[in-house]
């Protein structure tokens, strides 16, 4: 069987590419929601939608995935469904910056805690898409933090440094002030001619 050829995204208009990606993203996210507490990273979703559509996007996912997930959110709103985009997390397990803005734009809600809001939204997604839930219907949960160094394409983080001991303050340098030498005594002068007086104290000029 012949392998399906890839289509380069740059050969298509942006609207066609984004709408096609959004449709594929909805299916991928809906599949993810069938497993309780499952999430998918932005990088994984970007790779999955390209595989499904056979459209290769050479730009970084951070440049286009936000718009794709916004389109998915609008579709969820139209269907009166929980937002599937809540299942898409960053490489560290946290919600991307687009999430709160998307919720506000699509629903008009102001999100003050994106992590908790997304956790509650994910639970509704699991219920809506048939995930096997524990007794009681399950509970919202934050996804586990993922080590970036272990993720494909992740950036390695440096180990935390041990706190340094505080430096002891240096003793102030002693300033040695040089003793001021007394000014030499002024030679006595004659009050009349102002000539310097000899040791005898008598002016040789005037006396």
N, C-alpha and C. Protein backbone atom coordinates (compact mmCIF):
# COMPACT_ATOMS: atom_id res chain seq x y z
N UNK A 1 0.86 -1.20 0.00
CA UNK A 1 0.00 0.00 0.00
C UNK A 1 0.89 1.24 0.00
N UNK A 2 0.59 2.15 -0.90
CA UNK A 2 1.41 3.35 -1.02
C UNK A 2 1.22 4.24 0.21
N UNK A 3 2.31 4.83 0.66
CA UNK A 3 2.27 5.74 1.79
C UNK A 3 1.67 7.07 1.36
N UNK A 4 0.80 7.62 2.20
CA UNK A 4 0.13 8.87 1.88
C UNK A 4 1.16 10.00 1.94
N UNK A 5 1.17 10.83 0.92
CA UNK A 5 2.13 11.93 0.86
C UNK A 5 1.70 13.05 1.80
N UNK A 6 2.69 13.70 2.37
CA UNK A 6 2.42 14.81 3.26
C UNK A 6 2.17 16.09 2.46
N UNK A 7 1.34 16.95 3.03
CA UNK A 7 1.08 18.27 2.45
C UNK A 7 1.74 19.31 3.34
N UNK A 8 2.50 20.19 2.75
CA UNK A 8 3.15 21.24 3.53
C UNK A 8 2.14 22.34 3.84
N UNK A 9 2.08 22.74 5.09
CA UNK A 9 1.11 23.76 5.51
C UNK A 9 1.31 25.07 4.78
N UNK A 10 2.55 25.37 4.40
CA UNK A 10 2.82 26.65 3.72
C UNK A 10 2.19 26.71 2.34
N UNK A 11 1.78 25.54 1.79
CA UNK A 11 1.14 25.54 0.47
C UNK A 11 -0.37 25.76 0.57
N UNK A 12 -0.90 25.82 1.81
CA UNK A 12 -2.32 26.04 2.03
C UNK A 12 -2.54 27.40 2.68
N UNK A 13 -3.76 27.89 2.57
CA UNK A 13 -4.05 29.14 3.28
C UNK A 13 -4.22 28.82 4.76
N UNK A 14 -3.98 29.82 5.58
CA UNK A 14 -3.97 29.63 7.03
C UNK A 14 -5.33 29.15 7.54
N UNK A 15 -6.42 29.72 7.04
CA UNK A 15 -7.75 29.36 7.50
C UNK A 15 -8.03 27.87 7.27
N UNK A 16 -7.70 27.38 6.10
CA UNK A 16 -7.93 25.97 5.80
C UNK A 16 -7.12 25.08 6.73
N UNK A 17 -5.86 25.43 6.94
CA UNK A 17 -4.98 24.64 7.80
C UNK A 17 -5.50 24.61 9.23
N UNK A 18 -5.84 25.78 9.78
CA UNK A 18 -6.26 25.85 11.17
C UNK A 18 -7.60 25.12 11.39
N UNK A 19 -8.54 25.27 10.47
CA UNK A 19 -9.82 24.59 10.61
C UNK A 19 -9.65 23.07 10.53
N UNK A 20 -8.78 22.63 9.64
CA UNK A 20 -8.52 21.19 9.52
C UNK A 20 -7.86 20.67 10.78
N UNK A 21 -6.90 21.42 11.30
CA UNK A 21 -6.24 21.03 12.55
C UNK A 21 -7.24 21.01 13.71
N UNK A 22 -8.14 21.98 13.76
CA UNK A 22 -9.10 22.06 14.86
C UNK A 22 -10.04 20.85 14.85
N UNK A 23 -10.46 20.42 13.67
CA UNK A 23 -11.32 19.25 13.58
C UNK A 23 -10.58 18.01 14.07
N UNK A 24 -9.33 17.88 13.65
CA UNK A 24 -8.54 16.73 14.09
C UNK A 24 -8.27 16.80 15.59
N UNK A 25 -7.99 18.01 16.09
CA UNK A 25 -7.71 18.18 17.51
C UNK A 25 -8.92 17.78 18.35
N UNK A 26 -10.11 18.10 17.88
CA UNK A 26 -11.32 17.72 18.63
C UNK A 26 -11.39 16.21 18.79
N UNK A 27 -11.11 15.47 17.73
CA UNK A 27 -11.17 14.01 17.80
C UNK A 27 -10.10 13.46 18.74
N UNK A 28 -8.89 14.02 18.67
CA UNK A 28 -7.80 13.55 19.54
C UNK A 28 -8.14 13.82 21.01
N UNK A 29 -8.66 15.01 21.29
CA UNK A 29 -8.99 15.37 22.66
C UNK A 29 -10.17 14.55 23.18
N UNK A 30 -11.14 14.29 22.32
CA UNK A 30 -12.28 13.47 22.73
C UNK A 30 -11.82 12.05 23.05
N UNK A 31 -10.87 11.53 22.27
CA UNK A 31 -10.31 10.21 22.57
C UNK A 31 -9.56 10.23 23.91
N UNK A 32 -8.84 11.32 24.16
CA UNK A 32 -8.12 11.45 25.43
C UNK A 32 -9.09 11.46 26.60
N UNK A 33 -10.25 12.09 26.42
CA UNK A 33 -11.23 12.22 27.50
C UNK A 33 -11.91 10.91 27.85
N UNK A 34 -11.70 9.86 27.09
CA UNK A 34 -12.31 8.57 27.41
C UNK A 34 -11.56 7.85 28.53
N UNK A 35 -10.43 8.40 28.96
CA UNK A 35 -9.66 7.81 30.06
C UNK A 35 -9.62 8.78 31.22
N UNK A 36 -10.08 8.33 32.36
CA UNK A 36 -10.18 9.18 33.56
C UNK A 36 -8.82 9.75 33.94
N UNK A 37 -8.77 11.07 34.10
CA UNK A 37 -7.58 11.83 34.50
C UNK A 37 -6.48 11.85 33.44
N UNK A 38 -6.80 11.48 32.21
CA UNK A 38 -5.81 11.54 31.14
C UNK A 38 -5.67 12.97 30.64
N UNK A 39 -4.46 13.33 30.24
CA UNK A 39 -4.19 14.63 29.62
C UNK A 39 -3.24 14.40 28.45
N UNK A 40 -3.06 15.43 27.65
CA UNK A 40 -2.15 15.37 26.51
C UNK A 40 -1.39 16.70 26.45
N UNK A 41 -0.13 16.64 26.13
CA UNK A 41 0.65 17.88 26.07
C UNK A 41 0.44 18.58 24.73
N UNK A 42 0.82 19.85 24.70
CA UNK A 42 0.71 20.64 23.48
C UNK A 42 1.51 19.99 22.36
N UNK A 43 2.73 19.55 22.67
CA UNK A 43 3.59 18.93 21.65
C UNK A 43 2.98 17.63 21.14
N UNK A 44 2.41 16.84 22.04
CA UNK A 44 1.79 15.58 21.62
C UNK A 44 0.57 15.83 20.75
N UNK A 45 -0.23 16.82 21.12
CA UNK A 45 -1.42 17.13 20.32
C UNK A 45 -1.02 17.68 18.95
N UNK A 46 0.00 18.52 18.91
CA UNK A 46 0.46 19.06 17.63
C UNK A 46 0.91 17.94 16.70
N UNK A 47 1.62 16.98 17.26
CA UNK A 47 2.08 15.85 16.44
C UNK A 47 0.92 14.99 15.98
N UNK A 48 -0.07 14.79 16.87
CA UNK A 48 -1.21 13.94 16.53
C UNK A 48 -2.06 14.54 15.42
N UNK A 49 -2.31 15.86 15.48
CA UNK A 49 -3.16 16.47 14.44
C UNK A 49 -2.46 16.47 13.09
N UNK A 50 -1.15 16.59 13.10
CA UNK A 50 -0.43 16.51 11.83
C UNK A 50 -0.46 15.10 11.26
N UNK A 51 -0.38 14.11 12.12
CA UNK A 51 -0.46 12.72 11.67
C UNK A 51 -1.84 12.41 11.09
N UNK A 52 -2.89 12.93 11.74
CA UNK A 52 -4.25 12.66 11.28
C UNK A 52 -4.56 13.35 9.96
N UNK A 53 -4.08 14.57 9.80
CA UNK A 53 -4.42 15.36 8.61
C UNK A 53 -3.40 15.21 7.49
N UNK A 54 -2.21 14.70 7.84
CA UNK A 54 -1.10 14.61 6.89
C UNK A 54 -0.70 15.99 6.36
N UNK A 55 -0.94 16.99 7.20
CA UNK A 55 -0.47 18.34 6.91
C UNK A 55 0.70 18.63 7.83
N UNK A 56 1.85 18.86 7.28
CA UNK A 56 3.04 19.10 8.08
C UNK A 56 3.21 20.60 8.32
N UNK A 57 3.17 20.98 9.58
CA UNK A 57 3.36 22.37 9.97
C UNK A 57 4.75 22.50 10.58
N UNK A 58 5.60 23.23 9.90
CA UNK A 58 6.99 23.34 10.34
C UNK A 58 7.20 24.45 11.37
N UNK A 59 6.17 25.24 11.62
CA UNK A 59 6.27 26.25 12.66
C UNK A 59 6.14 25.59 14.04
N UNK A 60 6.69 26.24 15.04
CA UNK A 60 6.59 25.73 16.41
C UNK A 60 5.13 25.72 16.85
N UNK A 61 4.69 24.68 17.59
CA UNK A 61 3.29 24.62 18.03
C UNK A 61 2.84 25.84 18.82
N UNK A 62 3.75 26.49 19.51
CA UNK A 62 3.38 27.67 20.29
C UNK A 62 2.87 28.81 19.42
N UNK A 63 3.16 28.76 18.11
CA UNK A 63 2.75 29.82 17.21
C UNK A 63 1.35 29.60 16.63
N UNK A 64 0.82 28.38 16.71
CA UNK A 64 -0.46 28.13 16.08
C UNK A 64 -1.44 27.29 16.91
N UNK A 65 -0.95 26.59 17.93
CA UNK A 65 -1.84 25.71 18.68
C UNK A 65 -2.88 26.48 19.48
N UNK A 66 -2.54 27.68 19.95
CA UNK A 66 -3.53 28.47 20.68
C UNK A 66 -4.75 28.78 19.84
N UNK A 67 -4.55 29.12 18.57
CA UNK A 67 -5.67 29.42 17.69
C UNK A 67 -6.47 28.15 17.39
N UNK A 68 -5.79 27.03 17.23
CA UNK A 68 -6.49 25.76 16.98
C UNK A 68 -7.38 25.40 18.17
N UNK A 69 -6.86 25.52 19.38
CA UNK A 69 -7.63 25.18 20.57
C UNK A 69 -8.77 26.19 20.81
N UNK A 70 -8.57 27.43 20.38
CA UNK A 70 -9.66 28.41 20.47
C UNK A 70 -10.81 27.98 19.57
N UNK A 71 -10.50 27.48 18.39
CA UNK A 71 -11.54 27.01 17.48
C UNK A 71 -12.25 25.78 18.06
N UNK A 72 -11.49 24.92 18.71
CA UNK A 72 -12.10 23.75 19.36
C UNK A 72 -13.03 24.22 20.48
N UNK A 73 -12.60 25.23 21.23
CA UNK A 73 -13.42 25.74 22.32
C UNK A 73 -14.73 26.33 21.80
N UNK A 74 -14.68 27.05 20.70
CA UNK A 74 -15.91 27.61 20.13
C UNK A 74 -16.86 26.50 19.70
N UNK A 75 -16.31 25.42 19.17
CA UNK A 75 -17.15 24.29 18.76
C UNK A 75 -17.78 23.62 19.98
N UNK A 76 -17.00 23.50 21.05
CA UNK A 76 -17.54 22.92 22.28
C UNK A 76 -18.66 23.80 22.84
N UNK A 77 -18.48 25.08 22.77
CA UNK A 77 -19.50 26.01 23.23
C UNK A 77 -20.78 25.86 22.41
N UNK A 78 -20.62 25.73 21.11
CA UNK A 78 -21.77 25.57 20.23
C UNK A 78 -22.53 24.28 20.54
N UNK A 79 -21.79 23.24 20.95
CA UNK A 79 -22.42 21.95 21.27
C UNK A 79 -22.86 21.87 22.73
N UNK A 80 -22.65 22.94 23.49
CA UNK A 80 -22.96 22.94 24.93
C UNK A 80 -22.21 21.85 25.66
N UNK A 81 -20.92 21.71 25.33
CA UNK A 81 -20.05 20.71 25.93
C UNK A 81 -19.00 21.38 26.81
N UNK A 82 -18.42 20.62 27.74
CA UNK A 82 -17.26 21.14 28.47
C UNK A 82 -16.10 21.35 27.50
N UNK A 83 -15.18 22.21 27.85
CA UNK A 83 -14.09 22.57 26.94
C UNK A 83 -13.04 21.47 26.88
N UNK A 84 -12.92 20.86 25.72
CA UNK A 84 -11.93 19.79 25.54
C UNK A 84 -10.50 20.30 25.65
N UNK A 85 -10.29 21.59 25.39
CA UNK A 85 -8.95 22.15 25.48
C UNK A 85 -8.35 22.07 26.87
N UNK A 86 -9.19 21.86 27.90
CA UNK A 86 -8.68 21.72 29.26
C UNK A 86 -7.82 20.48 29.41
N UNK A 87 -7.93 19.54 28.47
CA UNK A 87 -7.13 18.32 28.52
C UNK A 87 -5.72 18.53 27.98
N UNK A 88 -5.47 19.67 27.37
CA UNK A 88 -4.18 19.96 26.75
C UNK A 88 -3.34 20.81 27.69
N UNK A 89 -2.23 20.26 28.14
CA UNK A 89 -1.39 20.95 29.13
C UNK A 89 -0.01 21.21 28.54
N UNK A 90 0.73 22.07 29.23
CA UNK A 90 2.10 22.35 28.82
C UNK A 90 3.03 21.20 29.20
N UNK A 91 4.30 21.28 28.83
CA UNK A 91 5.24 20.19 29.10
C UNK A 91 5.46 19.93 30.58
N UNK A 92 5.14 20.92 31.42
CA UNK A 92 5.30 20.74 32.86
C UNK A 92 4.00 20.39 33.56
N UNK A 93 2.94 20.15 32.77
CA UNK A 93 1.66 19.78 33.34
C UNK A 93 0.76 20.95 33.68
N UNK A 94 1.21 22.16 33.44
CA UNK A 94 0.42 23.36 33.76
C UNK A 94 -0.32 23.83 32.51
N UNK A 95 -1.36 24.62 32.73
CA UNK A 95 -2.12 25.15 31.62
C UNK A 95 -1.33 26.25 30.92
N UNK A 96 -1.47 26.32 29.62
CA UNK A 96 -0.80 27.37 28.86
C UNK A 96 -1.53 28.69 29.05
N UNK A 97 -0.87 29.78 28.65
CA UNK A 97 -1.42 31.11 28.88
C UNK A 97 -2.72 31.35 28.11
N UNK A 98 -2.91 30.61 27.03
CA UNK A 98 -4.10 30.84 26.21
C UNK A 98 -5.38 30.44 26.93
N UNK A 99 -5.30 29.55 27.92
CA UNK A 99 -6.50 28.92 28.48
C UNK A 99 -7.47 29.94 29.07
N UNK A 100 -7.00 30.76 29.99
CA UNK A 100 -7.88 31.72 30.65
C UNK A 100 -8.49 32.70 29.65
N UNK A 101 -7.69 33.13 28.67
CA UNK A 101 -8.19 34.06 27.66
C UNK A 101 -9.26 33.39 26.80
N UNK A 102 -9.08 32.11 26.48
CA UNK A 102 -10.05 31.40 25.66
C UNK A 102 -11.37 31.23 26.40
N UNK A 103 -11.30 30.86 27.67
CA UNK A 103 -12.53 30.72 28.46
C UNK A 103 -13.27 32.04 28.53
N UNK A 104 -12.53 33.11 28.74
CA UNK A 104 -13.16 34.43 28.82
C UNK A 104 -13.79 34.83 27.50
N UNK A 105 -13.10 34.53 26.39
CA UNK A 105 -13.61 34.91 25.07
C UNK A 105 -14.82 34.08 24.66
N UNK A 106 -14.79 32.78 24.98
CA UNK A 106 -15.85 31.88 24.53
C UNK A 106 -17.07 31.92 25.46
N UNK A 107 -16.82 32.01 26.76
CA UNK A 107 -17.92 31.94 27.72
C UNK A 107 -18.18 33.27 28.44
N UNK A 108 -17.19 34.16 28.42
CA UNK A 108 -17.34 35.40 29.18
C UNK A 108 -16.98 35.26 30.64
N UNK A 109 -16.41 34.11 31.03
CA UNK A 109 -16.03 33.89 32.44
C UNK A 109 -14.62 34.38 32.68
N UNK A 110 -14.41 34.99 33.84
CA UNK A 110 -13.08 35.43 34.25
C UNK A 110 -12.45 34.31 35.09
N UNK A 111 -11.35 33.78 34.62
CA UNK A 111 -10.68 32.66 35.30
C UNK A 111 -9.55 33.22 36.16
N UNK A 112 -9.71 33.07 37.47
CA UNK A 112 -8.66 33.55 38.38
C UNK A 112 -7.68 32.44 38.74
N UNK A 113 -8.09 31.19 38.63
CA UNK A 113 -7.22 30.05 38.92
C UNK A 113 -7.31 29.06 37.76
N UNK A 114 -6.49 29.24 36.72
CA UNK A 114 -6.59 28.37 35.54
C UNK A 114 -6.40 26.89 35.85
N UNK A 115 -5.52 26.55 36.79
CA UNK A 115 -5.26 25.15 37.08
C UNK A 115 -6.50 24.47 37.66
N UNK A 116 -7.14 25.09 38.62
CA UNK A 116 -8.33 24.50 39.23
C UNK A 116 -9.50 24.50 38.26
N UNK A 117 -9.65 25.58 37.51
CA UNK A 117 -10.75 25.66 36.54
C UNK A 117 -10.61 24.55 35.50
N UNK A 118 -9.40 24.35 35.00
CA UNK A 118 -9.18 23.32 33.99
C UNK A 118 -9.41 21.93 34.57
N UNK A 119 -9.03 21.71 35.83
CA UNK A 119 -9.24 20.41 36.46
C UNK A 119 -10.73 20.07 36.54
N UNK A 120 -11.53 21.06 36.90
CA UNK A 120 -12.98 20.84 36.97
C UNK A 120 -13.56 20.64 35.57
N UNK A 121 -13.02 21.36 34.61
CA UNK A 121 -13.51 21.21 33.23
C UNK A 121 -13.15 19.83 32.68
N UNK A 122 -11.96 19.35 33.01
CA UNK A 122 -11.56 18.01 32.56
C UNK A 122 -12.48 16.93 33.11
N UNK A 123 -12.86 17.08 34.38
CA UNK A 123 -13.76 16.08 34.96
C UNK A 123 -15.07 16.01 34.19
N UNK A 124 -15.59 17.17 33.78
CA UNK A 124 -16.82 17.19 32.98
C UNK A 124 -16.59 16.54 31.61
N UNK A 125 -15.38 16.72 31.07
CA UNK A 125 -15.05 16.09 29.79
C UNK A 125 -15.04 14.57 29.93
N UNK A 126 -14.44 14.06 31.03
CA UNK A 126 -14.41 12.61 31.25
C UNK A 126 -15.83 12.05 31.36
N UNK A 127 -16.69 12.78 32.07
CA UNK A 127 -18.07 12.32 32.21
C UNK A 127 -18.81 12.35 30.88
N UNK A 128 -18.55 13.40 30.10
CA UNK A 128 -19.28 13.58 28.83
C UNK A 128 -18.86 12.54 27.80
N UNK A 129 -17.58 12.17 27.81
CA UNK A 129 -17.06 11.30 26.74
C UNK A 129 -16.86 9.86 27.18
N UNK A 130 -17.49 9.48 28.26
CA UNK A 130 -17.61 8.06 28.60
C UNK A 130 -16.42 7.44 29.30
N UNK A 131 -15.63 8.21 30.01
CA UNK A 131 -14.53 7.62 30.77
C UNK A 131 -15.10 6.79 31.91
N UNK A 132 -14.39 5.73 32.28
CA UNK A 132 -14.81 4.90 33.41
C UNK A 132 -14.43 5.62 34.69
N UNK A 133 -15.42 6.09 35.41
CA UNK A 133 -15.19 6.91 36.59
C UNK A 133 -15.28 6.06 37.86
N UNK A 134 -14.58 6.45 38.91
CA UNK A 134 -14.66 5.72 40.18
C UNK A 134 -16.01 5.98 40.85
N UNK A 135 -16.35 5.20 41.87
CA UNK A 135 -17.61 5.44 42.59
C UNK A 135 -17.70 6.88 43.09
N UNK A 136 -18.86 7.46 42.94
CA UNK A 136 -19.03 8.85 43.35
C UNK A 136 -18.87 9.83 42.22
N UNK A 137 -18.46 9.35 41.04
CA UNK A 137 -18.37 10.23 39.88
C UNK A 137 -17.02 10.87 39.65
N UNK A 138 -16.05 10.55 40.48
CA UNK A 138 -14.70 11.10 40.27
C UNK A 138 -14.57 12.49 40.87
N UNK A 139 -13.38 13.00 40.78
CA UNK A 139 -13.11 14.32 41.33
C UNK A 139 -12.08 15.03 40.46
N UNK A 140 -12.11 16.35 40.43
CA UNK A 140 -11.11 17.08 39.62
C UNK A 140 -9.72 16.89 40.22
N UNK A 141 -8.74 16.79 39.35
CA UNK A 141 -7.37 16.58 39.82
C UNK A 141 -6.41 17.31 38.90
N UNK A 142 -5.38 17.85 39.48
CA UNK A 142 -4.33 18.49 38.70
C UNK A 142 -3.45 17.41 38.10
N UNK A 143 -3.02 17.57 36.85
CA UNK A 143 -2.15 16.56 36.25
C UNK A 143 -0.80 16.56 36.95
N UNK A 144 -0.14 15.40 37.01
CA UNK A 144 1.17 15.35 37.66
C UNK A 144 2.17 16.20 36.91
N UNK A 145 3.05 16.86 37.64
CA UNK A 145 4.10 17.65 37.01
C UNK A 145 5.05 16.71 36.28
N UNK A 146 5.39 17.06 35.07
CA UNK A 146 6.24 16.20 34.27
C UNK A 146 7.64 16.78 34.17
N UNK A 147 8.61 15.89 34.22
CA UNK A 147 9.99 16.33 34.08
C UNK A 147 10.23 16.73 32.63
N UNK A 148 10.61 17.98 32.41
CA UNK A 148 10.84 18.46 31.04
C UNK A 148 11.94 17.67 30.36
N UNK A 149 12.94 17.26 31.11
CA UNK A 149 14.07 16.56 30.50
C UNK A 149 13.66 15.20 29.96
N UNK A 150 12.57 14.65 30.44
CA UNK A 150 12.13 13.32 30.00
C UNK A 150 11.15 13.38 28.85
N UNK A 151 10.68 14.57 28.52
CA UNK A 151 9.72 14.71 27.45
C UNK A 151 10.43 14.93 26.13
N UNK A 152 9.92 14.39 25.02
CA UNK A 152 10.54 14.65 23.72
C UNK A 152 10.55 16.14 23.43
N UNK A 153 11.72 16.66 23.09
CA UNK A 153 11.84 18.07 22.77
C UNK A 153 11.86 18.97 23.97
N UNK A 154 11.83 18.38 25.17
CA UNK A 154 11.84 19.19 26.37
C UNK A 154 13.21 19.78 26.62
N UNK A 155 13.24 20.79 27.43
CA UNK A 155 14.51 21.39 27.78
C UNK A 155 14.91 20.93 29.16
N UNK A 156 16.17 20.61 29.33
CA UNK A 156 16.65 20.09 30.60
C UNK A 156 16.75 21.21 31.61
N UNK A 157 16.25 20.92 32.78
CA UNK A 157 16.34 21.90 33.85
C UNK A 157 17.50 21.56 34.76
N UNK A 158 18.15 22.57 35.28
CA UNK A 158 19.29 22.34 36.15
C UNK A 158 18.81 21.98 37.54
N UNK A 159 19.62 21.19 38.26
CA UNK A 159 19.26 20.78 39.61
C UNK A 159 19.27 22.00 40.52
N UNK A 160 18.38 22.00 41.51
CA UNK A 160 18.37 23.16 42.42
C UNK A 160 19.68 23.26 43.19
N UNK A 161 20.13 24.45 43.35
CA UNK A 161 21.38 24.67 44.06
C UNK A 161 21.13 24.71 45.56
N UNK A 162 22.10 24.19 46.30
CA UNK A 162 22.01 24.25 47.76
C UNK A 162 22.16 25.70 48.19
N UNK A 163 21.41 26.10 49.20
CA UNK A 163 21.54 27.50 49.64
C UNK A 163 22.93 27.78 50.16
N UNK A 164 23.42 28.90 49.80
CA UNK A 164 24.75 29.29 50.25
C UNK A 164 24.70 29.83 51.67
N UNK A 165 25.78 29.55 52.40
CA UNK A 165 25.87 30.10 53.73
C UNK A 165 26.08 31.60 53.62
N UNK A 166 25.42 32.34 54.50
CA UNK A 166 25.60 33.80 54.42
C UNK A 166 27.04 34.19 54.73
N UNK A 167 27.53 35.09 53.99
CA UNK A 167 28.89 35.55 54.22
C UNK A 167 28.98 36.35 55.50
N UNK A 168 30.09 36.13 56.21
CA UNK A 168 30.32 36.91 57.41
C UNK A 168 30.72 38.32 57.01
N UNK A 169 30.13 39.29 57.65
CA UNK A 169 30.49 40.67 57.28
C UNK A 169 31.95 40.95 57.59
N UNK A 170 32.59 41.59 56.69
CA UNK A 170 33.99 41.93 56.88
C UNK A 170 34.13 43.05 57.90
N UNK A 171 35.19 42.89 58.72
CA UNK A 171 35.46 43.95 59.69
C UNK A 171 35.91 45.19 58.95
N UNK A 172 35.41 46.32 59.37
CA UNK A 172 35.81 47.55 58.67
C UNK A 172 37.30 47.79 58.84
N UNK A 173 37.90 48.25 57.77
CA UNK A 173 39.32 48.53 57.81
C UNK A 173 39.60 49.69 58.76
N UNK A 174 40.64 49.45 59.57
CA UNK A 174 41.01 50.51 60.50
C UNK A 174 41.70 51.63 59.75
N UNK A 175 41.21 52.78 60.00
CA UNK A 175 41.82 53.95 59.35
C UNK A 175 42.77 54.61 60.33
N UNK A 176 44.00 54.56 59.96
CA UNK A 176 45.03 55.15 60.81
C UNK A 176 45.19 56.60 60.43
N UNK A 177 44.83 57.44 61.33
CA UNK A 177 44.96 58.88 61.05
C UNK A 177 46.34 59.34 61.50
N UNK A 178 46.99 59.96 60.60
CA UNK A 178 48.31 60.47 60.92
C UNK A 178 48.19 61.68 61.85
N UNK A 179 49.02 61.61 62.91
CA UNK A 179 49.00 62.73 63.86
C UNK A 179 49.49 63.99 63.16
N UNK A 180 48.73 65.04 63.34
CA UNK A 180 49.10 66.28 62.68
C UNK A 180 50.29 66.92 63.39
N UNK A 181 51.28 67.18 62.61
CA UNK A 181 52.47 67.80 63.17
C UNK A 181 52.18 69.26 63.50
N UNK A 182 52.61 69.67 64.69
CA UNK A 182 52.34 71.09 65.04
C UNK A 182 53.11 72.02 64.13
N UNK A 183 52.48 73.11 63.84
CA UNK A 183 53.12 74.10 62.98
C UNK A 183 54.35 74.67 63.70
N UNK A 184 55.43 74.87 62.94
CA UNK A 184 56.64 75.44 63.56
C UNK A 184 56.33 76.84 64.09
N UNK A 185 56.95 77.17 65.23
CA UNK A 185 56.68 78.50 65.80
C UNK A 185 57.15 79.60 64.87
N UNK A 186 56.35 80.65 64.81
CA UNK A 186 56.70 81.77 63.95
C UNK A 186 57.82 82.60 64.61
N UNK A 187 58.74 83.03 63.75
CA UNK A 187 59.84 83.86 64.27
C UNK A 187 59.31 85.22 64.69
N UNK A 188 59.85 85.70 65.82
CA UNK A 188 59.40 87.02 66.32
C UNK A 188 59.93 88.13 65.41
N UNK A 189 59.13 89.12 65.20
CA UNK A 189 59.52 90.26 64.35
C UNK A 189 59.38 91.54 65.15
N UNK A 190 60.14 92.56 64.69
CA UNK A 190 60.09 93.87 65.36
C UNK A 190 58.78 94.54 65.04
N UNK A 191 58.07 95.05 66.04
CA UNK A 191 56.76 95.67 65.78
C UNK A 191 56.86 96.96 65.00
N UNK A 192 58.10 97.54 64.89
CA UNK A 192 58.24 98.81 64.18
C UNK A 192 58.74 98.64 62.76
N UNK A 193 59.79 97.81 62.60
CA UNK A 193 60.33 97.64 61.23
C UNK A 193 60.00 96.28 60.63
N UNK A 194 59.41 95.44 61.46
CA UNK A 194 58.98 94.10 60.99
C UNK A 194 60.15 93.22 60.57
N UNK A 195 61.33 93.53 61.02
CA UNK A 195 62.49 92.68 60.74
C UNK A 195 62.52 91.58 61.80
N UNK A 196 63.05 90.40 61.39
CA UNK A 196 63.12 89.29 62.32
C UNK A 196 64.07 89.63 63.46
N UNK A 197 63.62 89.36 64.68
CA UNK A 197 64.44 89.66 65.85
C UNK A 197 65.45 88.55 66.09
N UNK A 198 66.63 88.92 66.58
CA UNK A 198 67.60 87.90 66.92
C UNK A 198 67.21 87.22 68.21
N UNK A 199 68.03 86.26 68.64
CA UNK A 199 67.73 85.49 69.84
C UNK A 199 67.63 86.38 71.09
N UNK A 200 68.32 87.53 71.06
CA UNK A 200 68.29 88.43 72.20
C UNK A 200 66.96 89.13 72.37
N UNK A 201 66.17 89.19 71.31
CA UNK A 201 64.88 89.84 71.38
C UNK A 201 64.95 91.33 71.14
N UNK A 202 66.19 91.86 70.87
CA UNK A 202 66.37 93.29 70.61
C UNK A 202 66.61 93.52 69.16
N UNK A 203 65.91 94.47 68.57
CA UNK A 203 66.05 94.75 67.12
C UNK A 203 67.36 95.48 66.90
N UNK A 204 68.20 94.95 66.06
CA UNK A 204 69.48 95.58 65.78
C UNK A 204 69.28 96.84 64.93
N UNK A 205 68.19 96.94 64.27
CA UNK A 205 67.96 98.09 63.37
C UNK A 205 67.41 99.28 64.18
N UNK A 206 66.43 98.99 64.99
CA UNK A 206 65.74 100.07 65.67
C UNK A 206 66.42 100.45 67.01
N UNK A 207 67.02 99.51 67.69
CA UNK A 207 67.62 99.79 69.00
C UNK A 207 69.06 100.29 68.86
